[in-house]
Amino acid sequence: MTEQKNEHPIDYSKHYEVFHRLNKNKLREIRHSYGLNQTELARMLGYTNKTYISLWETGRRRIPKPIAFLLNLLQYKKDNL
């Protein structure tokens, strides 16, 4: 069996940098626009409690690249409905 390489890997870095150039409250705005509290968003993202969401929203911890990528998609979808 031959190994197939993905010719177009996802480059999270572009989306990650765009997200971090935005206001640090953007995560909160996106979360509120979907009617979610911190606990609900944390569970949707696979976290057991809201601690990381709080740390991200206050800027005390950087948002992981895959999460930032997903947030950009959510923001884009909401902005273009």
C-alpha atoms as a PDB file:
ATOM      1  CA  MET A   1       0.000   0.000   0.000  1.00  0.00           C
ATOM      2  CA  THR A   2       1.376   3.405  -0.915  1.00  0.00           C
ATOM      3  CA  GLU A   3       1.181   6.294   1.472  1.00  0.00           C
ATOM      4  CA  GLN A   4      -0.805   9.240   0.172  1.00  0.00           C
ATOM      5  CA  LYS A   5       0.421  12.670   1.062  1.00  0.00           C
ATOM      6  CA  ASN A   6      -1.956  15.540   1.471  1.00  0.00           C
ATOM      7  CA  GLU A   7      -0.831  17.996  -1.185  1.00  0.00           C
ATOM      8  CA  HIS A   8      -2.700  20.852   0.456  1.00  0.00           C
ATOM      9  CA  PRO A   9      -2.196  20.656   4.214  1.00  0.00           C
ATOM     10  CA  ILE A  10      -4.145  23.155   6.267  1.00  0.00           C
ATOM     11  CA  ASP A  11      -1.997  26.132   7.174  1.00  0.00           C
ATOM     12  CA  TYR A  12      -3.404  27.326  10.487  1.00  0.00           C
ATOM     13  CA  SER A  13      -0.737  30.006  10.879  1.00  0.00           C
ATOM     14  CA  LYS A  14      -2.419  32.476   8.508  1.00  0.00           C
ATOM     15  CA  HIS A  15      -5.762  32.230  10.296  1.00  0.00           C
ATOM     16  CA  TYR A  16      -4.127  32.195  13.718  1.00  0.00           C
ATOM     17  CA  GLU A  17      -2.276  35.442  13.096  1.00  0.00           C
ATOM     18  CA  VAL A  18      -5.396  37.117  11.699  1.00  0.00           C
ATOM     19  CA  PHE A  19      -7.344  36.116  14.795  1.00  0.00           C
ATOM     20  CA  HIS A  20      -4.689  37.467  17.154  1.00  0.00           C
ATOM     21  CA  ARG A  21      -4.576  40.810  15.378  1.00  0.00           C
ATOM     22  CA  LEU A  22      -8.231  41.282  16.284  1.00  0.00           C
ATOM     23  CA  ASN A  23      -9.467  42.701  19.565  1.00  0.00           C
ATOM     24  CA  LYS A  24      -8.823  40.280  22.428  1.00  0.00           C
ATOM     25  CA  ASN A  25     -12.561  40.344  23.185  1.00  0.00           C
ATOM     26  CA  LYS A  26     -13.377  38.830  19.788  1.00  0.00           C
ATOM     27  CA  LEU A  27     -13.773  35.347  21.258  1.00  0.00           C
ATOM     28  CA  ARG A  28     -16.374  36.698  23.679  1.00  0.00           C
ATOM     29  CA  GLU A  29     -18.187  38.456  20.835  1.00  0.00           C
ATOM     30  CA  ILE A  30     -18.267  35.279  18.739  1.00  0.00           C
ATOM     31  CA  ARG A  31     -19.403  33.226  21.734  1.00  0.00           C
ATOM     32  CA  HIS A  32     -22.189  35.691  22.556  1.00  0.00           C
ATOM     33  CA  SER A  33     -23.309  35.894  18.929  1.00  0.00           C
ATOM     34  CA  TYR A  34     -24.000  32.159  19.083  1.00  0.00           C
ATOM     35  CA  GLY A  35     -25.730  32.463  22.477  1.00  0.00           C
ATOM     36  CA  LEU A  36     -23.162  30.337  24.312  1.00  0.00           C
ATOM     37  CA  ASN A  37     -21.738  30.728  27.798  1.00  0.00           C
ATOM     38  CA  GLN A  38     -18.124  29.832  28.567  1.00  0.00           C
ATOM     39  CA  THR A  39     -18.993  26.363  29.858  1.00  0.00           C
ATOM     40  CA  GLU A  40     -21.016  25.496  26.754  1.00  0.00           C
ATOM     41  CA  LEU A  41     -18.257  26.644  24.394  1.00  0.00           C
ATOM     42  CA  ALA A  42     -15.635  24.778  26.415  1.00  0.00           C
ATOM     43  CA  ARG A  43     -17.608  21.545  26.171  1.00  0.00           C
ATOM     44  CA  MET A  44     -18.169  22.021  22.436  1.00  0.00           C
ATOM     45  CA  LEU A  45     -14.409  22.372  21.994  1.00  0.00           C
ATOM     46  CA  GLY A  46     -13.667  19.294  24.096  1.00  0.00           C
ATOM     47  CA  TYR A  47     -12.647  20.969  27.348  1.00  0.00           C
ATOM     48  CA  THR A  48     -14.089  19.820  30.671  1.00  0.00           C
ATOM     49  CA  ASN A  49     -14.489  23.281  32.164  1.00  0.00           C
ATOM     50  CA  LYS A  50     -14.498  26.955  31.199  1.00  0.00           C
ATOM     51  CA  THR A  51     -11.041  27.806  32.543  1.00  0.00           C
ATOM     52  CA  TYR A  52      -9.336  27.916  29.150  1.00  0.00           C
ATOM     53  CA  ILE A  53     -12.129  29.970  27.610  1.00  0.00           C
ATOM     54  CA  SER A  54     -11.752  32.509  30.405  1.00  0.00           C
ATOM     55  CA  LEU A  55      -7.972  32.604  30.012  1.00  0.00           C
ATOM     56  CA  TRP A  56      -8.307  33.113  26.255  1.00  0.00           C
ATOM     57  CA  GLU A  57     -10.920  35.848  26.611  1.00  0.00           C
ATOM     58  CA  THR A  58      -8.795  37.778  29.095  1.00  0.00           C
ATOM     59  CA  GLY A  59      -5.654  37.366  26.995  1.00  0.00           C
ATOM     60  CA  ARG A  60      -3.786  35.478  29.722  1.00  0.00           C
ATOM     61  CA  ARG A  61      -3.268  32.487  27.454  1.00  0.00           C
ATOM     62  CA  ARG A  62      -2.930  32.215  23.681  1.00  0.00           C
ATOM     63  CA  ILE A  63      -5.621  30.404  21.763  1.00  0.00           C
ATOM     64  CA  PRO A  64      -4.330  27.163  20.188  1.00  0.00           C
ATOM     65  CA  LYS A  65      -3.990  27.379  16.405  1.00  0.00           C
ATOM     66  CA  PRO A  66      -6.708  24.825  15.559  1.00  0.00           C
ATOM     67  CA  ILE A  67      -9.159  26.593  17.897  1.00  0.00           C
ATOM     68  CA  ALA A  68      -8.312  29.980  16.382  1.00  0.00           C
ATOM     69  CA  PHE A  69      -8.897  28.495  12.945  1.00  0.00           C
ATOM     70  CA  LEU A  70     -12.341  27.237  13.988  1.00  0.00           C
ATOM     71  CA  LEU A  71     -13.210  30.594  15.539  1.00  0.00           C
ATOM     72  CA  ASN A  72     -12.331  32.337  12.294  1.00  0.00           C
ATOM     73  CA  LEU A  73     -14.674  29.974  10.458  1.00  0.00           C
ATOM     74  CA  LEU A  74     -17.470  30.681  12.953  1.00  0.00           C
ATOM     75  CA  GLN A  75     -16.926  34.407  12.643  1.00  0.00           C
ATOM     76  CA  TYR A  76     -16.883  34.227   8.844  1.00  0.00           C
ATOM     77  CA  LYS A  77     -20.075  32.163   8.767  1.00  0.00           C
ATOM     78  CA  LYS A  78     -21.871  34.550  11.131  1.00  0.00           C
ATOM     79  CA  ASP A  79     -20.696  37.635   9.202  1.00  0.00           C
ATOM     80  CA  ASN A  80     -21.796  36.234   5.840  1.00  0.00           C
ATOM     81  CA  LEU A  81     -25.266  34.903   6.616  1.00  0.00           C
END
